[in-house]
Amino acid sequence: MGYNAGFNNNTLYNIAIGTESLSNNNSGNSNIAIGYDSMKENDSGTDNIAIGNFSLNQNTQGSYNTSFGYYSLNNNTVGNYNTAI
């Protein structure tokens, strides 16, 4: 829901709410992205939760991350099992 939210999403069990959220997801399953550009660059990361504008924005392969708040875990790319509030 939102402009280009989940645009390239070809996978299962994802939720994308907000402009460009999860817009580049290729093979990542079971992600929740809420907020402008949240998880925008995710390619194959799975089981992530990103709530807040730009949260987990640069994540490409990282999995099992939880990110709450504006720019939280924004620079995480491949890290796993992180939590940021």
Protein backbone atom coordinates (compact mmCIF):
# COMPACT_ATOMS: atom_id res chain seq x y z
CA MET A 1 0.00 0.00 0.00
CA GLY A 2 1.61 3.24 -1.16
CA TYR A 3 3.40 4.34 -4.30
CA ASN A 4 5.68 1.50 -5.51
CA ALA A 5 5.30 -0.39 -2.23
CA GLY A 6 6.38 -3.97 -2.94
CA PHE A 7 6.89 -3.04 -6.59
CA ASN A 8 9.37 -5.82 -7.54
CA ASN A 9 8.15 -8.24 -4.91
CA ASN A 10 8.02 -11.81 -6.25
CA THR A 11 7.85 -13.61 -2.92
CA LEU A 12 5.47 -14.68 -0.16
CA TYR A 13 4.26 -13.39 3.18
CA ASN A 14 5.48 -9.78 2.94
CA ILE A 15 3.70 -6.63 4.07
CA ALA A 16 4.71 -3.28 2.56
CA ILE A 17 3.00 -0.05 3.62
CA GLY A 18 4.49 3.30 2.58
CA THR A 19 6.03 4.82 -0.51
CA GLU A 20 8.82 2.63 -1.95
CA SER A 21 8.74 0.21 1.00
CA LEU A 22 10.11 -3.21 0.00
CA SER A 23 10.16 -1.96 -3.59
CA ASN A 24 13.28 -3.91 -4.64
CA ASN A 25 12.54 -7.16 -2.83
CA ASN A 26 13.54 -10.09 -5.03
CA SER A 27 13.57 -13.23 -2.92
CA GLY A 28 13.07 -12.19 0.71
CA ASN A 29 10.07 -13.74 2.47
CA SER A 30 8.17 -12.92 5.65
CA ASN A 31 9.15 -9.24 5.94
CA ILE A 32 7.15 -6.34 7.33
CA ALA A 33 8.04 -2.84 6.12
CA ILE A 34 5.99 0.15 7.28
CA GLY A 35 7.10 3.68 6.44
CA TYR A 36 8.55 5.72 3.60
CA ASP A 37 11.50 3.86 1.99
CA SER A 38 11.52 1.19 4.71
CA MET A 39 13.47 -1.87 3.51
CA LYS A 40 13.64 -0.30 0.05
CA GLU A 41 16.83 -2.10 -1.05
CA ASN A 42 16.00 -5.50 0.47
CA ASP A 43 16.86 -8.22 -2.03
CA SER A 44 16.94 -11.52 -0.16
CA GLY A 45 16.67 -10.69 3.54
CA THR A 46 13.98 -12.65 5.36
CA ASP A 47 11.99 -12.37 8.59
CA ASN A 48 12.70 -8.66 9.13
CA ILE A 49 10.49 -6.01 10.72
CA ALA A 50 11.09 -2.37 9.79
CA ILE A 51 8.78 0.31 11.13
CA GLY A 52 9.61 3.95 10.48
CA ASN A 53 10.76 6.05 7.55
CA PHE A 54 14.06 4.77 6.09
CA SER A 55 14.26 1.92 8.62
CA LEU A 56 16.42 -0.94 7.29
CA ASN A 57 16.56 1.06 4.05
CA GLN A 58 19.93 -0.29 2.84
CA ASN A 59 19.34 -3.88 3.95
CA THR A 60 20.03 -6.26 1.08
CA GLN A 61 20.61 -9.68 2.64
CA GLY A 62 20.28 -9.25 6.40
CA SER A 63 17.70 -11.43 8.14
CA TYR A 64 15.93 -11.59 11.50
CA ASN A 65 16.34 -7.85 12.20
CA THR A 66 13.90 -5.65 14.09
CA SER A 67 14.03 -1.93 13.46
CA PHE A 68 11.73 0.70 15.00
CA GLY A 69 12.12 4.41 14.30
CA TYR A 70 13.27 6.97 11.78
CA TYR A 71 16.51 5.79 10.06
CA SER A 72 16.92 2.88 12.49
CA LEU A 73 19.37 0.28 11.14
CA ASN A 74 19.45 2.32 7.94
CA ASN A 75 23.04 1.31 7.06
CA ASN A 76 22.64 -2.38 7.86
CA THR A 77 23.24 -4.36 4.66
CA VAL A 78 23.96 -7.97 5.59
CA GLY A 79 23.83 -8.06 9.40
CA ASN A 80 21.54 -10.58 11.08
CA TYR A 81 19.69 -10.72 14.41
CA ASN A 82 19.91 -6.97 15.19
CA THR A 83 17.43 -4.85 17.11
CA ALA A 84 17.30 -1.03 17.01
CA ILE A 85 14.79 1.26 18.68
